[in-house]
Amino acid sequence: WSTDQDLMAMRNHISPEFMEAFNRGRDEYLAGNWPDAIKFLKRADKLMYEREIDEGYTSSVVNDYLASLTNVLDDNANDEKEERLAMGDGPCQRLIAYMTENGGKAPATWAGYRPLTSK
């Protein structure tokens, strides 16, 4: 990860702040502290999203949306929401969705992992 030029280039957009928030969120998730995990993973996802915007990895739909935040009833709201979900950090978003779908609290039988039900 830290010596291969290709891997380093692929990870160039990942900030130390993102890694800190992500690692903490992952650790809280594994430990069964899901409310804290969600908090840290949301922070990590937001950091990645902001980094993508700062580096120009965004389309005009998102730029237009950011420029007109006061227009909440925009016809393109669904497109913008989908694009927002396509940006940010996929692993953070998936873990947040899983925990939220399951009530935001680890089950009493939580062993630090979940069964994968699909590929």
Foldseek 3Di string as FASTA:
>chain_A
DPPDPVVCVVCVLPDPLLVVLQVVLLVCLLVFVQVSNLVSLVVSQVSQQVSCVVVPVDDVVLVVCVVCVVCPVDPCVVVNVVRSCVTGDPVSVVSNVVCVVVPRGGDPPRNRDDDDPDD
